[in-house]
Amino acid sequence: MKKMSHQEAAELYRSMLRIRRFEETCHELYLSGKIPGMSPHLYIGEEAVAASICFFLNKDDYIISTHRGHGHCLAKGARMDRMLAEIMGKETGYCKGRGGSMHIADVTTGNLGANGIVAAGLPIAVGAALSAIYRKTNQIAVCFFGDAASNQGTFHEAVNMAAVMNLPVLLVCENNHYGLSTPIKKTCPTCNISDKAHGYGIEHTTCDGMDTEVSFAAAGEAVDYVRDKKKPYLIEFITYRFLGHGASDNRSYRTREEEAQWLKKCPVKNFRKKILSDYKIDSAKIESLEKEVEEEVSAGLKFAEDSPYPKPEEVMENIFAPAAPGGGQ
């Protein structure tokens, strides 16, 4: 297993902590009525996955996210202030307040956007990978998707096309055991989602997404394989979302005993202990890093709160085509 350096460990912890604190802030904002519309789908508990995968990506590599995608955006280089502004519906957000939590995109960092439709990102990722082949670049496309997405037809069509055409796409399954409230074991006959790769003849693996060191090593091998071989690869991370599907979810479909066991595996807290003990990183350095993250959260929140809402008269701007004369479409 690839051993990370002290610097890599510190950078990885910072990335995970940024995600955790951002999501906690979003939760607080929603509960206080400062986020309009639906509750954000939070990534708390799954931070090691996005942080590990994106650590090995180049700026021009593509990612396609999910409706639980804040962690992917941040790990790929998104600014916290513009993300908060977008989620709060402000003009200074990444999509000028029009997209909200589930549709953040930033092509300057290779982020082609999130998607509120289960498994809809998979064919988009395949298309992005195909474009890299046509343009003869060294880019790869990464598609994050949940366990339930593997039961959608688009999953099978996309994986089949990627395999047949030898496309540089990394398929990242975040198996958090539940498709909203339905246990994956009730809808999937295989022990691991990665088993489905057998049918398409592509390389695959399953790893512990709660163990940051394991996730980091597996992510590095997967990214290197796709980039070097120009072939698809499916990596499944066994992980867990600590909160519900959304704020209104009382999690009645799982026991508090189950949750308590998974909370003991918290990737952020456990990796903090690990870098202090095994990597001998000075506690003052870690505390300084944590202070920087808190300052980023505070500054981002102020930026978002001070930003203006979009003007009503500009509602027809930034769309594919203007309305036809007479109000037709």
Protein backbone atom coordinates (compact mmCIF):
# COMPACT_ATOMS: atom_id res chain seq x y z
CA MET A 1 0.00 0.00 0.00
CA LYS A 2 1.32 3.43 -0.97
CA LYS A 3 2.41 5.32 2.11
CA MET A 4 1.66 9.01 2.03
CA SER A 5 4.25 11.60 3.01
CA HIS A 6 3.86 13.96 5.96
CA GLN A 7 2.98 16.80 3.60
CA GLU A 8 0.43 14.68 1.75
CA ALA A 9 -1.14 13.64 5.06
CA ALA A 10 -1.52 17.26 6.15
CA GLU A 11 -2.98 18.29 2.78
CA LEU A 12 -5.41 15.39 2.82
CA TYR A 13 -6.57 16.20 6.35
CA ARG A 14 -7.11 19.83 5.34
CA SER A 15 -9.23 18.77 2.36
CA MET A 16 -11.36 16.48 4.52
CA LEU A 17 -11.77 19.09 7.23
CA ARG A 18 -12.86 21.72 4.68
CA ILE A 19 -15.59 19.38 3.52
CA ARG A 20 -16.72 18.51 7.06
CA ARG A 21 -16.89 22.13 8.23
CA PHE A 22 -18.59 23.28 5.04
CA GLU A 23 -21.29 20.64 5.40
CA GLU A 24 -21.83 21.38 9.07
CA THR A 25 -22.23 25.05 8.18
CA CYS A 26 -24.77 24.22 5.45
CA HIS A 27 -26.75 22.15 7.94
CA GLU A 28 -26.81 25.04 10.41
CA LEU A 29 -27.83 27.50 7.68
CA TYR A 30 -30.70 25.33 6.54
CA LEU A 31 -32.03 24.79 10.05
CA SER A 32 -31.92 28.55 10.64
CA GLY A 33 -33.90 29.24 7.46
CA LYS A 34 -31.06 30.87 5.52
CA ILE A 35 -31.01 28.31 2.70
CA PRO A 36 -34.11 28.37 0.48
CA GLY A 37 -35.78 25.33 -1.02
CA MET A 38 -34.79 21.76 -0.32
CA SER A 39 -32.39 20.69 2.39
CA PRO A 40 -28.83 20.14 1.10
CA HIS A 41 -27.81 16.48 0.83
CA LEU A 42 -24.81 16.39 3.11
CA TYR A 43 -21.57 14.45 2.64
CA ILE A 44 -20.66 14.15 6.33
CA GLY A 45 -18.95 10.80 6.94
CA GLU A 46 -17.77 10.27 3.35
CA GLU A 47 -15.01 12.89 3.23
CA ALA A 48 -12.11 10.48 2.69
CA VAL A 49 -13.49 9.42 -0.70
CA ALA A 50 -13.64 12.79 -2.44
CA ALA A 51 -10.45 14.03 -0.78
CA SER A 52 -8.49 10.93 -1.81
CA ILE A 53 -9.69 10.74 -5.41
CA CYS A 54 -9.32 14.45 -6.15
CA PHE A 55 -5.87 14.54 -4.54
CA PHE A 56 -4.50 12.69 -7.57
CA LEU A 57 -6.38 14.60 -10.27
CA ASN A 58 -5.00 17.34 -12.46
CA LYS A 59 -6.81 20.65 -12.71
CA ASP A 60 -8.05 19.87 -16.22
CA ASP A 61 -9.31 16.39 -15.34
CA TYR A 62 -13.09 16.19 -15.27
CA ILE A 63 -15.36 15.28 -12.40
CA ILE A 64 -19.09 14.68 -12.57
CA SER A 65 -20.83 14.79 -9.24
CA THR A 66 -24.12 13.73 -7.59
CA HIS A 67 -26.83 15.44 -5.59
CA ARG A 68 -24.64 14.71 -2.55
CA GLY A 69 -21.77 16.53 -4.18
CA HIS A 70 -20.42 19.40 -2.08
CA GLY A 71 -17.42 17.31 -1.05
CA HIS A 72 -16.49 16.55 -4.65
CA CYS A 73 -16.64 20.25 -5.57
CA LEU A 74 -14.47 21.35 -2.67
CA ALA A 75 -11.91 18.59 -3.13
CA LYS A 76 -11.56 19.49 -6.82
CA GLY A 77 -10.72 23.10 -5.99
CA ALA A 78 -13.97 25.00 -5.64
CA ARG A 79 -14.05 28.16 -3.53
CA MET A 80 -16.06 27.88 -0.35
CA ASP A 81 -17.42 31.43 -0.55
CA ARG A 82 -18.90 31.00 -4.04
CA MET A 83 -20.34 27.62 -3.10
CA LEU A 84 -22.08 29.06 -0.05
CA ALA A 85 -23.36 31.95 -2.16
CA GLU A 86 -24.78 29.51 -4.71
CA ILE A 87 -26.50 27.40 -2.07
CA MET A 88 -28.00 30.54 -0.54
CA GLY A 89 -29.31 31.60 -3.96
CA LYS A 90 -27.03 34.59 -4.38
CA GLU A 91 -25.83 36.24 -7.59
CA THR A 92 -22.16 35.65 -6.71
CA GLY A 93 -22.59 31.88 -6.63
CA TYR A 94 -21.02 29.56 -9.18
CA CYS A 95 -24.26 29.42 -11.16
CA LYS A 96 -25.44 32.91 -10.20
CA GLY A 97 -27.79 31.46 -7.62
CA ARG A 98 -29.80 29.57 -10.24
CA GLY A 99 -28.45 26.07 -9.61
CA GLY A 100 -28.38 25.69 -5.86
CA SER A 101 -26.98 22.79 -3.88
CA MET A 102 -27.51 20.02 -6.44
CA HIS A 103 -26.22 21.76 -9.57
CA ILE A 104 -22.93 23.45 -8.73
CA ALA A 105 -20.50 23.49 -11.65
CA ASP A 106 -17.14 25.13 -12.31
CA VAL A 107 -15.55 24.26 -15.63
CA THR A 108 -12.39 26.19 -14.73
CA THR A 109 -11.53 23.43 -12.23
CA GLY A 110 -12.82 20.60 -14.42
CA ASN A 111 -16.06 20.29 -12.44
CA LEU A 112 -18.79 19.59 -15.01
CA GLY A 113 -21.46 19.76 -12.38
CA ALA A 114 -23.64 17.80 -10.05
CA ASN A 115 -26.87 16.11 -11.01
CA GLY A 116 -30.09 15.59 -9.09
CA ILE A 117 -31.07 12.58 -11.20
CA VAL A 118 -29.74 9.26 -9.94
CA ALA A 119 -27.06 7.84 -12.30
CA ALA A 120 -27.44 10.68 -14.81
CA GLY A 121 -23.80 11.68 -14.41
CA LEU A 122 -22.46 8.38 -15.76
CA PRO A 123 -23.14 8.96 -19.48
CA ILE A 124 -21.89 12.54 -19.11
CA ALA A 125 -18.59 11.23 -17.73
CA VAL A 126 -18.31 8.77 -20.61
CA GLY A 127 -18.85 11.62 -23.05
CA ALA A 128 -16.18 13.73 -21.35
CA ALA A 129 -13.74 10.82 -21.52
CA LEU A 130 -14.55 10.31 -25.21
CA SER A 131 -13.81 13.98 -25.86
CA ALA A 132 -10.38 13.57 -24.26
CA ILE A 133 -9.61 10.72 -26.67
CA TYR A 134 -10.70 12.79 -29.67
CA ARG A 135 -8.64 15.77 -28.54
CA LYS A 136 -5.66 13.54 -27.73
CA THR A 137 -5.19 14.95 -24.23
CA ASN A 138 -4.02 13.16 -21.08
CA GLN A 139 -7.22 14.02 -19.23
CA ILE A 140 -9.41 11.52 -17.45
CA ALA A 141 -13.05 11.79 -16.39
CA VAL A 142 -14.21 10.79 -12.93
CA CYS A 143 -17.82 9.99 -12.17
CA PHE A 144 -18.98 9.79 -8.56
CA PHE A 145 -22.20 7.84 -8.02
CA GLY A 146 -24.04 6.12 -5.21
CA ASP A 147 -24.79 2.45 -4.66
CA ALA A 148 -28.38 2.77 -5.85
CA ALA A 149 -27.23 4.29 -9.14
CA SER A 150 -25.71 0.95 -10.08
CA ASN A 151 -29.24 -0.41 -10.52
CA GLN A 152 -30.16 2.18 -13.15
CA GLY A 153 -30.04 1.45 -16.86
CA THR A 154 -27.77 4.41 -17.50
CA PHE A 155 -25.10 2.79 -15.32
CA HIS A 156 -24.99 -0.33 -17.48
CA GLU A 157 -25.13 1.58 -20.77
CA ALA A 158 -22.36 3.94 -19.70
CA VAL A 159 -20.06 1.23 -18.33
CA ASN A 160 -20.62 -0.90 -21.43
CA MET A 161 -19.71 1.98 -23.74
CA ALA A 162 -16.65 2.91 -21.69
CA ALA A 163 -15.44 -0.70 -21.77
CA VAL A 164 -16.09 -1.26 -25.48
CA MET A 165 -14.40 1.98 -26.51
CA ASN A 166 -11.55 1.85 -23.94
CA LEU A 167 -12.31 5.28 -22.48
CA PRO A 168 -10.32 6.93 -19.66
CA VAL A 169 -13.14 7.15 -17.15
CA LEU A 170 -12.88 6.37 -13.45
CA LEU A 171 -16.15 5.11 -11.99
CA VAL A 172 -16.27 5.91 -8.27
CA CYS A 173 -19.07 4.20 -6.36
CA GLU A 174 -19.72 5.69 -2.92
CA ASN A 175 -21.55 2.80 -1.30
CA ASN A 176 -23.13 4.28 1.81
CA HIS A 177 -25.56 1.33 2.05
CA TYR A 178 -28.77 3.26 1.42
CA GLY A 179 -30.59 4.58 -1.62
CA LEU A 180 -32.43 7.24 0.37
CA SER A 181 -34.12 4.82 2.84
CA THR A 182 -33.75 1.52 0.99
CA PRO A 183 -30.84 -0.74 2.04
CA ILE A 184 -28.76 -1.67 -0.98
CA LYS A 185 -28.75 -5.30 0.18
CA LYS A 186 -32.48 -5.41 -0.64
CA THR A 187 -32.01 -4.29 -4.24
CA CYS A 188 -28.59 -5.66 -5.22
CA PRO A 189 -27.86 -9.41 -5.35
CA THR A 190 -24.07 -9.04 -5.15
CA CYS A 191 -21.98 -8.46 -2.04
CA ASN A 192 -20.06 -5.62 -3.67
CA ILE A 193 -21.17 -3.12 -6.31
CA SER A 194 -17.77 -3.58 -7.95
CA ASP A 195 -18.78 -7.17 -8.81
CA LYS A 196 -20.91 -5.69 -11.59
CA ALA A 197 -17.72 -4.75 -13.44
CA HIS A 198 -17.19 -8.45 -14.27
CA GLY A 199 -19.92 -8.25 -16.88
CA TYR A 200 -18.01 -5.58 -18.78
CA GLY A 201 -14.51 -6.96 -18.42
CA ILE A 202 -13.06 -3.95 -16.65
CA GLU A 203 -10.69 -3.72 -13.70
CA HIS A 204 -12.28 -3.00 -10.35
CA THR A 205 -11.78 -3.04 -6.59
CA THR A 206 -13.62 -2.45 -3.32
CA CYS A 207 -12.00 -0.70 -0.37
CA ASP A 208 -12.75 0.75 3.06
CA GLY A 209 -13.86 4.33 2.47
CA MET A 210 -13.74 5.12 6.18
CA ASP A 211 -10.02 4.38 6.42
CA THR A 212 -8.27 7.41 4.95
CA GLU A 213 -4.94 5.67 4.35
CA VAL A 214 -6.63 2.79 2.52
CA SER A 215 -8.76 5.21 0.49
CA PHE A 216 -5.72 7.30 -0.44
CA ALA A 217 -3.72 4.31 -1.66
CA ALA A 218 -6.62 2.80 -3.62
CA ALA A 219 -7.45 6.17 -5.19
CA GLY A 220 -3.87 6.69 -6.35
CA GLU A 221 -3.74 3.27 -8.00
CA ALA A 222 -7.10 3.78 -9.70
CA VAL A 223 -6.27 7.21 -11.12
CA ASP A 224 -2.87 6.02 -12.35
CA TYR A 225 -4.45 3.00 -14.05
CA VAL A 226 -7.03 5.05 -15.95
CA ARG A 227 -4.52 7.67 -17.03
CA ASP A 228 -1.79 5.23 -18.07
CA LYS A 229 -3.93 2.50 -19.64
CA LYS A 230 -6.60 4.78 -21.12
CA LYS A 231 -9.17 2.29 -19.90
CA PRO A 232 -12.11 2.46 -17.48
CA TYR A 233 -11.80 1.34 -13.86
CA LEU A 234 -14.48 0.90 -11.20
CA ILE A 235 -13.58 1.59 -7.59
CA GLU A 236 -16.10 1.09 -4.80
CA PHE A 237 -15.67 2.78 -1.43
CA ILE A 238 -17.60 1.29 1.49
CA THR A 239 -18.68 4.34 3.45
CA TYR A 240 -21.58 5.79 5.43
CA ARG A 241 -23.48 9.06 5.57
CA PHE A 242 -23.76 10.12 9.20
CA LEU A 243 -26.89 12.24 8.74
CA GLY A 244 -30.11 11.49 6.90
CA HIS A 245 -30.82 11.79 3.21
CA GLY A 246 -31.86 15.36 3.99
CA ALA A 247 -32.78 17.41 7.05
CA SER A 248 -36.34 16.04 7.12
CA ASP A 249 -35.12 12.43 7.22
CA ASN A 250 -35.55 10.95 10.71
CA ARG A 251 -33.54 7.85 9.70
CA SER A 252 -36.24 5.47 10.98
CA TYR A 253 -34.99 2.83 8.54
CA ARG A 254 -31.72 2.28 10.44
CA THR A 255 -30.94 1.77 14.09
CA ARG A 256 -29.08 4.16 16.36
CA GLU A 257 -26.85 1.23 17.31
CA GLU A 258 -25.81 0.88 13.68
CA GLU A 259 -25.09 4.60 13.46
CA ALA A 260 -23.04 4.52 16.65
CA GLN A 261 -20.81 1.79 15.23
CA TRP A 262 -20.16 3.79 12.07
CA LEU A 263 -19.53 7.00 14.00
CA LYS A 264 -16.58 5.25 15.64
CA LYS A 265 -15.07 5.03 12.14
CA CYS A 266 -15.27 8.79 11.52
CA PRO A 267 -12.64 9.43 8.82
CA VAL A 268 -11.91 13.00 9.89
CA LYS A 269 -11.46 12.40 13.61
CA ASN A 270 -9.58 9.13 13.19
CA PHE A 271 -7.21 10.52 10.58
CA ARG A 272 -6.46 13.49 12.82
CA LYS A 273 -5.34 11.05 15.51
CA LYS A 274 -3.34 9.11 12.95
CA ILE A 275 -1.37 12.07 11.64
CA LEU A 276 -0.49 13.12 15.15
CA SER A 277 0.65 9.66 16.25
CA ASP A 278 1.96 7.86 13.15
CA TYR A 279 3.07 10.79 11.03
CA LYS A 280 4.41 12.80 13.96
CA ILE A 281 2.98 16.04 12.61
CA ASP A 282 3.27 18.75 15.23
CA SER A 283 -0.03 19.51 16.98
CA ALA A 284 0.61 23.24 16.57
CA LYS A 285 0.72 22.77 12.79
CA ILE A 286 -2.56 20.88 12.83
CA GLU A 287 -4.19 23.52 15.02
CA SER A 288 -2.94 26.25 12.68
CA LEU A 289 -4.39 24.39 9.71
CA GLU A 290 -7.72 24.02 11.53
CA LYS A 291 -7.75 27.72 12.29
CA GLU A 292 -7.23 28.50 8.62
CA VAL A 293 -10.21 26.34 7.70
CA GLU A 294 -12.39 28.06 10.30
CA GLU A 295 -11.35 31.44 8.94
CA GLU A 296 -12.22 30.28 5.42
CA VAL A 297 -15.67 29.21 6.61
CA SER A 298 -16.27 32.53 8.37
CA ALA A 299 -15.08 34.59 5.42
CA GLY A 300 -17.11 32.48 2.99
CA LEU A 301 -20.23 32.85 5.09
CA LYS A 302 -19.84 36.62 5.29
CA PHE A 303 -19.28 36.81 1.53
CA ALA A 304 -22.44 34.79 0.88
CA GLU A 305 -24.59 36.70 3.35
CA ASP A 306 -23.44 40.07 2.02
CA SER A 307 -23.97 39.09 -1.63
CA PRO A 308 -27.10 40.25 -3.49
CA TYR A 309 -29.88 38.04 -4.77
CA PRO A 310 -30.36 37.85 -8.56
CA LYS A 311 -32.57 40.57 -10.00
CA PRO A 312 -36.04 39.33 -11.02
CA GLU A 313 -35.77 41.06 -14.40
CA GLU A 314 -32.73 38.93 -15.21
CA VAL A 315 -34.59 35.63 -14.82
CA MET A 316 -34.32 34.86 -18.55
CA GLU A 317 -30.56 35.37 -18.71
CA ASN A 318 -27.99 32.54 -18.78
CA ILE A 319 -30.33 30.04 -20.41
CA PHE A 320 -29.85 28.08 -23.64
CA ALA A 321 -32.31 30.12 -25.73
CA PRO A 322 -34.43 33.23 -25.19
CA ALA A 323 -38.19 33.01 -25.08
CA ALA A 324 -39.85 33.19 -28.47
CA PRO A 325 -41.84 36.33 -29.42
CA GLY A 326 -45.30 36.24 -27.92
CA GLY A 327 -44.23 34.12 -24.95
CA GLY A 328 -43.89 30.79 -26.76
CA GLN A 329 -41.06 28.36 -26.12
